């Protein structure tokens, strides 16, 4: 087997090892890219997790808001007592005395207490706590939207990779059919003594190589189909028929600067960090609130009944309470420093994310335009390889070229076609990646 023949087997085999996570078998389903995106978003376990995190953040905001509401407590007890020795102290005799009164028989006691307190001022910690919770809730929503863009890009990538695998398998299958027909023709020639058996064996070996490549391709397509169906929530045995028109890239694109501006406006991870920075700023104000006292209104009601001894009703109390922790004078500064450090950490993360976005946009942009140039080159290469094979076949038919050269020309033609198919698909993926990096993929 020549080097070029081995190379084509390696090319095809490597192609189908690409992560093409999208197809099935038995039941056939036509699937456009938009339909695949809708299904992946609908069935994404990651988005369900993101939804749970949003619900958790909403509950945290509600909990922070409820801290403005008054606190109310009620308690009561019923007690059974033994026969206690009760000695009432009176001042009538100038000394402790039991007097000559009747003996008090207390065997039980019943009492109830109700308290209500309302926080008037706590260094604005409640206010900024609500503010911080709301910012974190918005950040969780931005995280979910960012996860959605990631899932959509993964779906697009899987769809395109499956298309690449299917298209390449089709090319190999077509080449195999031609190779088998050539074997049939060569067998007839060899039986009639018009072809050396060695040449027939070379042609048959080439056919075997294509057969092996096709087996590997079909196996990898089947695995990719199962993976895709799992991603979309479809039965594993579903056969997916893809729409090649879904992945055609646009003729024109914006400039890098425009995509960077769009990213600054639309990237949800940027918005999430911005909300977290605001929440951290509120956290600094919460920490500073420890410097101030807490002031609150209190009210209560007490009722008691001790048979044969004491009854209390209509005992209502109202007051104002002030609480201040002296230790806050030397402990609060550390809390403020910690909150500021978190704020600075988020600012640094935001700056790093901005750099990463600019770099990723530039890479996707360059990948797109280099892919366009590759398509131009590969299109010419297909024409050249096709013409080369036609000339080589004519020369071989006129005994001006060896069979090895003819087979090499056939392999070169297949390789050129494969390169063109892959380049077109890669350009489409590069464009979709560019949109995702700019934060406008599913818009």
Protein backbone atom coordinates (compact mmCIF):
# COMPACT_ATOMS: atom_id res chain seq x y z
CA UNK A 1 0.00 0.00 0.00
CA UNK A 2 1.40 3.39 -0.98
CA UNK A 3 1.86 6.28 1.46
CA UNK A 4 -1.01 8.25 -0.09
CA UNK A 5 -3.35 5.28 0.16
CA UNK A 6 -2.56 4.89 3.84
CA UNK A 7 -3.01 8.63 4.28
CA UNK A 8 -6.58 8.60 2.94
CA UNK A 9 -7.54 5.86 5.39
CA UNK A 10 -6.07 7.88 8.24
CA UNK A 11 -7.85 11.05 7.08
CA UNK A 12 -11.24 9.37 6.98
CA UNK A 13 -10.70 7.49 10.23
CA UNK A 14 -9.57 10.65 12.05
CA UNK A 15 -12.50 12.60 10.67
CA UNK A 16 -15.01 10.35 12.33
CA UNK A 17 -13.25 10.58 15.65
CA UNK A 18 -14.29 14.26 15.76
CA UNK A 19 -16.82 15.04 18.51
CA UNK A 20 -19.98 14.74 16.42
CA UNK A 21 -22.53 14.42 19.16
CA UNK A 22 -25.86 14.32 17.26
CA UNK A 23 -27.71 11.33 15.56
CA UNK A 24 -29.84 8.05 15.76
CA UNK A 25 -31.36 5.07 14.00
CA UNK A 26 -34.62 3.20 13.17
CA UNK A 27 -37.10 6.08 13.29
CA UNK A 28 -36.18 8.83 10.83
CA UNK A 29 -36.51 12.50 11.72
CA UNK A 30 -35.70 15.49 9.54
CA UNK A 31 -33.96 18.08 11.64
CA UNK A 32 -32.97 21.67 10.92
CA UNK A 33 -30.40 23.47 13.02
CA UNK A 34 -33.05 25.67 14.65
CA UNK A 35 -35.11 22.62 15.58
CA UNK A 36 -32.04 21.00 17.11
CA UNK A 37 -31.39 24.15 19.15
CA UNK A 38 -34.99 24.25 20.40
CA UNK A 39 -34.86 20.61 21.47
CA UNK A 40 -31.49 20.92 23.20
CA UNK A 41 -32.62 23.99 25.14
CA UNK A 42 -35.88 22.32 26.11
CA UNK A 43 -34.20 19.14 27.34
CA UNK A 44 -30.97 20.53 28.76
CA UNK A 45 -30.21 19.28 32.26
CA UNK A 46 -27.81 22.20 32.70
CA UNK A 47 -30.62 24.70 32.13
CA UNK A 48 -32.83 22.87 34.60
CA UNK A 49 -30.04 23.25 37.14
CA UNK A 50 -29.77 26.94 36.23
CA UNK A 51 -33.53 27.31 36.74
CA UNK A 52 -33.19 25.80 40.22
CA UNK A 53 -30.44 28.30 41.03
CA UNK A 54 -32.67 31.17 39.88
CA UNK A 55 -35.48 29.91 42.11
CA UNK A 56 -33.02 29.75 45.00
CA UNK A 57 -31.92 33.35 44.35
CA UNK A 58 -35.55 34.50 44.16
CA UNK A 59 -36.21 32.87 47.53
CA UNK A 60 -33.13 34.59 48.97
CA UNK A 61 -34.44 37.96 47.77
CA UNK A 62 -37.82 37.26 49.33
CA UNK A 63 -36.14 36.21 52.57
CA UNK A 64 -34.13 39.46 52.66
CA UNK A 65 -37.29 41.49 52.01
CA UNK A 66 -39.15 39.73 54.80
CA UNK A 67 -36.58 40.99 57.29
CA UNK A 68 -38.42 44.32 57.14
CA UNK A 69 -41.50 42.68 58.62
CA UNK A 70 -42.08 42.66 62.40
CA UNK A 71 -41.17 39.68 64.54
CA UNK A 72 -44.00 38.16 66.56
CA UNK A 73 -43.73 35.44 69.20
CA UNK A 74 -46.25 33.81 71.43
CA UNK A 75 -45.64 31.31 74.21
CA UNK A 76 -47.58 29.74 77.03
CA UNK A 77 -47.21 27.13 79.75
CA UNK A 78 -49.36 25.09 82.05
CA UNK A 79 -47.63 23.90 85.20
CA UNK A 80 -48.63 21.38 87.84
CA UNK A 81 -47.13 22.16 91.23
CA UNK A 82 -46.67 20.36 94.49
CA UNK A 83 -47.91 22.00 97.65
CA UNK A 84 -45.34 24.76 98.08
CA UNK A 85 -44.58 26.59 101.29
CA UNK A 86 -45.55 30.17 100.48
CA UNK A 87 -44.42 32.88 102.87
CA UNK A 88 -45.68 36.34 101.94
CA UNK A 89 -43.50 39.18 103.11
CA UNK A 90 -45.38 42.17 104.45
CA UNK A 91 -44.21 45.35 106.08
CA UNK A 92 -46.96 45.63 108.68
CA UNK A 93 -44.97 44.11 111.48
CA UNK A 94 -41.59 45.47 110.53
CA UNK A 95 -40.35 41.91 110.14
CA UNK A 96 -40.97 38.79 108.17
CA UNK A 97 -44.21 37.22 109.23
CA UNK A 98 -46.78 34.85 107.97
CA UNK A 99 -49.55 36.78 109.62
CA UNK A 100 -52.67 35.10 110.65
CA UNK A 101 -54.18 34.84 107.16
CA UNK A 102 -55.46 31.71 105.53
CA UNK A 103 -53.12 29.19 103.98
CA UNK A 104 -52.69 29.55 100.21
CA UNK A 105 -53.10 26.29 98.35
CA UNK A 106 -51.38 26.52 94.91
CA UNK A 107 -51.34 23.35 92.80
CA UNK A 108 -51.21 24.68 89.26
CA UNK A 109 -50.28 27.71 87.19
CA UNK A 110 -51.14 28.91 83.72
CA UNK A 111 -49.57 31.81 81.83
CA UNK A 112 -49.13 33.18 78.32
CA UNK A 113 -46.89 35.80 76.75
CA UNK A 114 -47.09 37.55 73.35
CA UNK A 115 -44.31 39.77 72.04
CA UNK A 116 -44.05 41.89 68.88
CA UNK A 117 -40.91 43.74 67.79
CA UNK A 118 -40.35 45.95 64.78
CA UNK A 119 -36.92 47.04 63.64
CA UNK A 120 -36.88 50.79 62.96
CA UNK A 121 -33.20 51.19 62.17
CA UNK A 122 -30.28 48.75 61.95
CA UNK A 123 -27.59 50.73 60.20
CA UNK A 124 -29.40 50.22 56.84
CA UNK A 125 -28.32 46.57 56.88
CA UNK A 126 -31.80 45.38 55.94
CA UNK A 127 -32.04 47.84 53.05
CA UNK A 128 -28.67 46.90 51.59
CA UNK A 129 -29.30 43.22 52.28
CA UNK A 130 -32.34 43.41 50.01
CA UNK A 131 -30.34 45.32 47.42
CA UNK A 132 -27.56 42.72 47.47
CA UNK A 133 -30.04 39.84 47.15
CA UNK A 134 -31.69 41.46 44.15
CA UNK A 135 -28.34 41.93 42.42
CA UNK A 136 -27.42 38.30 43.05
CA UNK A 137 -30.79 37.22 41.70
CA UNK A 138 -30.12 39.13 38.48
CA UNK A 139 -26.64 37.60 38.31
CA UNK A 140 -28.14 34.11 38.51
CA UNK A 141 -30.45 34.97 35.63
CA UNK A 142 -27.49 36.16 33.57
CA UNK A 143 -25.65 32.93 34.41
CA UNK A 144 -28.63 30.96 33.10
CA UNK A 145 -28.69 32.98 29.87
CA UNK A 146 -24.95 32.45 29.47
CA UNK A 147 -25.42 28.70 30.00
CA UNK A 148 -28.10 28.81 27.31
CA UNK A 149 -25.66 30.33 24.81
CA UNK A 150 -23.07 27.68 25.65
CA UNK A 151 -25.63 24.92 25.14
CA UNK A 152 -26.73 26.39 21.83
CA UNK A 153 -23.12 26.58 20.61
CA UNK A 154 -22.55 22.97 21.67
CA UNK A 155 -25.66 21.98 19.73
CA UNK A 156 -24.49 23.89 16.66
CA UNK A 157 -21.07 22.26 16.93
CA UNK A 158 -22.59 18.80 17.27
CA UNK A 159 -24.95 19.43 14.35
CA UNK A 160 -22.13 20.60 12.10
CA UNK A 161 -19.84 17.76 13.12
CA UNK A 162 -22.56 15.23 12.39
CA UNK A 163 -23.10 16.85 9.02
CA UNK A 164 -19.35 16.62 8.34
CA UNK A 165 -19.30 12.96 9.28
CA UNK A 166 -22.34 12.13 7.17
CA UNK A 167 -21.09 14.06 4.14
CA UNK A 168 -17.64 12.48 4.36
CA UNK A 169 -19.16 9.00 4.65
CA UNK A 170 -21.20 9.69 1.53
CA UNK A 171 -18.05 10.65 -0.39
CA UNK A 172 -16.24 7.52 0.78
CA UNK A 173 -19.24 5.39 -0.18
CA UNK A 174 -19.34 6.92 -3.67
CA UNK A 175 -15.62 6.34 -4.08
CA UNK A 176 -16.05 2.76 -2.89
CA UNK A 177 -18.74 2.13 -5.50
CA UNK A 178 -16.40 3.40 -8.21
CA UNK A 179 -13.57 1.28 -6.82
CA UNK A 180 -15.75 -1.84 -6.85
CA UNK A 181 -16.79 -1.19 -10.44
CA UNK A 182 -13.15 -0.80 -11.35
CA UNK A 183 -12.40 -4.15 -9.70
CA UNK A 184 -15.13 -5.78 -11.78
CA UNK A 185 -13.68 -4.33 -14.98
CA UNK A 186 -10.13 -5.30 -14.01
CA UNK A 187 -11.23 -8.84 -13.14
CA UNK A 188 -12.64 -9.28 -16.65
CA UNK A 189 -9.45 -7.88 -18.16
CA UNK A 190 -7.29 -10.16 -16.00
CA UNK A 191 -9.34 -13.22 -16.97
CA UNK A 192 -8.86 -12.35 -20.62
CA UNK A 193 -5.14 -11.93 -20.13
CA UNK A 194 -5.23 -8.18 -20.74
CA UNK A 195 -4.20 -7.14 -17.22
CA UNK A 196 -1.44 -8.32 -14.92
CA UNK A 197 -2.74 -10.04 -11.80
CA UNK A 198 -0.53 -7.77 -9.70
CA UNK A 199 -2.44 -4.72 -10.95
CA UNK A 200 -5.75 -6.40 -10.13
CA UNK A 201 -4.56 -7.08 -6.61
CA UNK A 202 -3.49 -3.44 -6.18
CA UNK A 203 -6.96 -2.27 -7.22
CA UNK A 204 -8.65 -4.79 -4.92
CA UNK A 205 -6.44 -3.73 -2.03
CA UNK A 206 -7.49 -0.11 -2.62
CA UNK A 207 -11.14 -1.24 -2.48
CA UNK A 208 -10.50 -3.05 0.80
CA UNK A 209 -9.03 0.12 2.27
CA UNK A 210 -12.15 2.07 1.34
CA UNK A 211 -14.36 -0.66 2.80
CA UNK A 212 -12.52 -0.49 6.11
CA UNK A 213 -12.76 3.28 6.14
CA UNK A 214 -16.50 3.08 5.48
CA UNK A 215 -17.01 0.57 8.30
CA UNK A 216 -15.27 2.90 10.73
CA UNK A 217 -17.23 5.85 9.41
CA UNK A 218 -20.60 4.13 9.81
CA UNK A 219 -19.73 2.98 13.32
CA UNK A 220 -18.73 6.48 14.39
CA UNK A 221 -21.83 7.99 12.80
CA UNK A 222 -23.96 5.57 14.80
CA UNK A 223 -22.24 6.57 18.07
CA UNK A 224 -22.51 10.25 17.18
CA UNK A 225 -26.20 9.78 16.46
CA UNK A 226 -26.83 8.25 19.87
CA UNK A 227 -25.00 11.12 21.54
CA UNK A 228 -26.99 13.69 19.58
CA UNK A 229 -30.31 12.07 20.41
CA UNK A 230 -29.44 12.06 24.08
CA UNK A 231 -28.62 15.76 23.82
CA UNK A 232 -31.95 16.50 22.13
CA UNK A 233 -34.06 14.20 24.30
CA UNK A 234 -34.97 11.93 21.38
CA UNK A 235 -35.10 8.11 21.36
CA UNK A 236 -31.64 6.65 20.89
CA UNK A 237 -32.58 4.76 17.72
CA UNK A 238 -33.78 7.87 15.85
CA UNK A 239 -32.13 8.48 12.48
CA UNK A 240 -31.52 12.20 11.95
CA UNK A 241 -31.67 13.68 8.48
CA UNK A 242 -29.86 17.00 8.58
CA UNK A 243 -30.56 20.12 6.55
CA UNK A 244 -27.35 21.32 4.92
CA UNK A 245 -28.91 24.73 4.22
CA UNK A 246 -29.13 25.33 7.99
CA UNK A 247 -25.40 25.74 8.34
CA UNK A 248 -24.64 28.09 5.46
CA UNK A 249 -22.63 31.07 6.80
CA UNK A 250 -23.50 34.65 5.79
CA UNK A 251 -21.80 36.44 2.93
CA UNK A 252 -20.84 39.47 5.03
CA UNK A 253 -19.75 39.89 8.64
CA UNK A 254 -19.15 42.88 10.89
CA UNK A 255 -15.74 44.19 11.93
CA UNK A 256 -13.91 42.94 15.01
CA UNK A 257 -14.54 46.25 16.79
CA UNK A 258 -18.29 45.91 16.23
CA UNK A 259 -18.32 42.40 17.64
CA UNK A 260 -16.34 43.56 20.67
CA UNK A 261 -18.87 46.34 21.26
CA UNK A 262 -21.71 43.84 20.93
CA UNK A 263 -19.99 41.59 23.46
CA UNK A 264 -19.73 44.44 25.96
CA UNK A 265 -23.46 45.06 25.57
CA UNK A 266 -24.76 41.51 25.28
CA UNK A 267 -22.42 39.05 27.01
CA UNK A 268 -24.41 37.67 29.91
CA UNK A 269 -21.33 36.59 31.88
CA UNK A 270 -20.18 40.23 31.76
CA UNK A 271 -23.58 41.33 33.07
CA UNK A 272 -23.45 38.66 35.77
CA UNK A 273 -20.11 39.92 37.07
CA UNK A 274 -21.42 43.49 36.97
CA UNK A 275 -24.38 42.50 39.15
CA UNK A 276 -22.09 40.65 41.54
CA UNK A 277 -19.89 43.76 41.78
CA UNK A 278 -22.97 45.76 42.76
CA UNK A 279 -23.90 43.10 45.31
CA UNK A 280 -20.37 43.26 46.72
CA UNK A 281 -20.70 47.06 46.98
CA UNK A 282 -23.90 46.56 48.95
CA UNK A 283 -22.00 44.06 51.10
CA UNK A 284 -19.52 46.81 52.05
CA UNK A 285 -22.42 49.01 53.16
CA UNK A 286 -23.89 46.12 55.16
CA UNK A 287 -20.57 45.67 56.95
CA UNK A 288 -20.42 49.39 57.75
CA UNK A 289 -23.87 49.11 59.31
CA UNK A 290 -22.31 47.38 62.31
CA UNK A 291 -20.94 50.75 63.38
CA UNK A 292 -24.47 51.94 64.13
CA UNK A 293 -26.94 50.92 66.84
CA UNK A 294 -30.15 49.00 66.26
CA UNK A 295 -33.40 50.70 67.26
CA UNK A 296 -36.71 48.92 67.46
CA UNK A 297 -40.26 49.11 68.79
CA UNK A 298 -41.44 46.39 71.12
CA UNK A 299 -44.83 45.46 72.47
CA UNK A 300 -46.18 42.62 74.49
CA UNK A 301 -49.08 41.11 76.36
CA UNK A 302 -48.94 38.92 79.48
CA UNK A 303 -51.71 36.83 81.01
CA UNK A 304 -51.40 34.53 84.04
CA UNK A 305 -53.71 32.51 86.22
CA UNK A 306 -52.62 30.87 89.45
CA UNK A 307 -55.80 29.53 91.07
CA UNK A 308 -56.46 30.65 94.62
CA UNK A 309 -53.49 33.03 94.41
CA UNK A 310 -53.06 35.35 91.43
CA UNK A 311 -54.73 36.38 88.17
CA UNK A 312 -53.16 38.77 85.65
CA UNK A 313 -55.03 40.10 82.62
CA UNK A 314 -54.76 43.06 80.29
CA UNK A 315 -51.03 43.47 81.01
CA UNK A 316 -49.89 45.28 77.88
CA UNK A 317 -46.46 46.84 77.42
CA UNK A 318 -45.06 49.07 74.66
CA UNK A 319 -41.53 50.43 74.41
CA UNK A 320 -38.52 51.42 72.38
CA UNK A 321 -35.33 49.40 72.47
CA UNK A 322 -31.79 50.39 71.57
CA UNK A 323 -28.98 47.90 71.11
CA UNK A 324 -25.36 48.61 70.40
CA UNK A 325 -22.40 46.26 70.43
CA UNK A 326 -19.26 47.97 71.66
CA UNK A 327 -17.12 45.25 70.09
CA UNK A 328 -18.18 46.54 66.67
CA UNK A 329 -15.77 49.44 67.20
CA UNK A 330 -12.81 47.11 66.70
CA UNK A 331 -14.39 44.22 64.76
CA UNK A 332 -16.29 46.02 62.01
CA UNK A 333 -13.23 47.30 60.16
CA UNK A 334 -12.14 43.73 59.39
CA UNK A 335 -15.57 42.93 57.97
CA UNK A 336 -15.38 46.01 55.75
CA UNK A 337 -11.92 45.04 54.49
CA UNK A 338 -13.18 41.56 53.65
CA UNK A 339 -16.18 42.95 51.74
CA UNK A 340 -13.93 45.38 49.84
CA UNK A 341 -11.55 42.55 48.95
CA UNK A 342 -14.47 40.62 47.42
CA UNK A 343 -15.39 43.72 45.43
CA UNK A 344 -11.82 44.11 44.17
CA UNK A 345 -11.69 40.42 43.27
CA UNK A 346 -14.77 40.81 41.09
CA UNK A 347 -13.30 43.90 39.42
CA UNK A 348 -10.18 41.90 38.54
CA UNK A 349 -12.33 39.02 37.25
CA UNK A 350 -14.26 41.46 35.07
CA UNK A 351 -11.03 42.82 33.58
CA UNK A 352 -9.75 39.29 32.90
CA UNK A 353 -13.06 38.34 31.29
CA UNK A 354 -12.89 41.39 29.01
CA UNK A 355 -9.42 40.36 27.82
CA UNK A 356 -10.60 36.79 27.26
CA UNK A 357 -13.59 38.00 25.25
CA UNK A 358 -11.43 40.18 23.00
CA UNK A 359 -9.02 37.30 22.41
CA UNK A 360 -11.78 34.77 21.69
CA UNK A 361 -13.54 37.17 19.30
CA UNK A 362 -10.28 37.76 17.42
CA UNK A 363 -9.66 34.01 17.20
CA UNK A 364 -13.17 33.22 15.94
CA UNK A 365 -12.93 36.13 13.49
CA UNK A 366 -9.59 34.93 12.11
CA UNK A 367 -10.83 31.33 11.96
CA UNK A 368 -13.79 32.48 9.90
CA UNK A 369 -11.75 34.37 7.32
CA UNK A 370 -9.02 31.75 7.14
CA UNK A 371 -11.81 29.23 6.51
CA UNK A 372 -13.13 31.39 3.66
CA UNK A 373 -9.67 31.40 2.10
CA UNK A 374 -9.39 27.61 2.57
CA UNK A 375 -12.68 27.13 0.73
CA UNK A 376 -11.31 29.10 -2.22
CA UNK A 377 -8.14 27.01 -2.25
CA UNK A 378 -9.94 23.68 -1.78
CA UNK A 379 -12.45 24.54 -4.52
CA UNK A 380 -9.55 25.00 -6.93
CA UNK A 381 -7.96 21.83 -5.58
CA UNK A 382 -11.14 19.84 -6.31
CA UNK A 383 -11.17 21.09 -9.89
CA UNK A 384 -7.46 20.30 -10.25
CA UNK A 385 -7.80 16.85 -8.65
CA UNK A 386 -10.83 16.01 -10.80
CA UNK A 387 -9.03 17.05 -13.98
CA UNK A 388 -5.88 15.23 -12.88
CA UNK A 389 -7.86 12.02 -12.34
CA UNK A 390 -9.52 12.38 -15.75
CA UNK A 391 -6.15 12.81 -17.46
CA UNK A 392 -4.58 10.00 -15.45
CA UNK A 393 -7.42 7.67 -16.37
CA UNK A 394 -7.02 8.47 -20.06
CA UNK A 395 -3.29 7.90 -19.87
CA UNK A 396 -3.79 4.63 -18.05
CA UNK A 397 -6.31 3.47 -20.65
CA UNK A 398 -3.66 4.25 -23.28
CA UNK A 399 -0.93 2.45 -21.29
CA UNK A 400 0.89 5.70 -20.61
CA UNK A 401 0.51 5.56 -16.83
CA UNK A 402 0.87 2.89 -14.17
CA UNK A 403 -2.05 1.68 -12.09
CA UNK A 404 -0.37 3.00 -8.94
CA UNK A 405 -0.41 6.51 -10.39
CA UNK A 406 -4.08 6.15 -11.30
CA UNK A 407 -4.98 5.01 -7.79
CA UNK A 408 -2.99 7.88 -6.31
CA UNK A 409 -4.94 10.32 -8.47
CA UNK A 410 -8.19 8.76 -7.28
CA UNK A 411 -7.13 9.16 -3.64
CA UNK A 412 -6.08 12.77 -4.25
CA UNK A 413 -9.48 13.51 -5.77
CA UNK A 414 -11.30 12.08 -2.74
CA UNK A 415 -9.03 13.92 -0.32
CA UNK A 416 -9.69 17.23 -2.12
CA UNK A 417 -13.46 16.70 -1.94
CA UNK A 418 -13.24 15.82 1.75
CA UNK A 419 -11.19 18.93 2.49
CA UNK A 420 -13.74 21.15 0.74
CA UNK A 421 -16.70 19.66 2.65
CA UNK A 422 -14.90 20.03 5.99
CA UNK A 423 -13.78 23.59 5.23
CA UNK A 424 -17.34 24.73 4.45
CA UNK A 425 -18.65 23.19 7.65
CA UNK A 426 -15.80 24.67 9.71
CA UNK A 427 -16.54 28.15 8.38
CA UNK A 428 -20.15 27.81 9.47
CA UNK A 429 -19.03 26.73 12.95
CA UNK A 430 -16.52 29.59 13.15
CA UNK A 431 -19.25 32.09 12.37
CA UNK A 432 -21.59 30.64 15.00
CA UNK A 433 -18.72 30.70 17.50
CA UNK A 434 -18.11 34.35 16.66
CA UNK A 435 -21.76 35.13 17.42
CA UNK A 436 -21.54 33.28 20.72
CA UNK A 437 -18.41 35.15 21.74
CA UNK A 438 -20.23 38.40 20.97
CA UNK A 439 -23.18 37.30 23.07
CA UNK A 440 -25.71 37.35 20.22
CA UNK A 441 -25.87 33.69 19.19
CA UNK A 442 -29.53 32.93 19.92
CA UNK A 443 -30.74 36.43 19.17
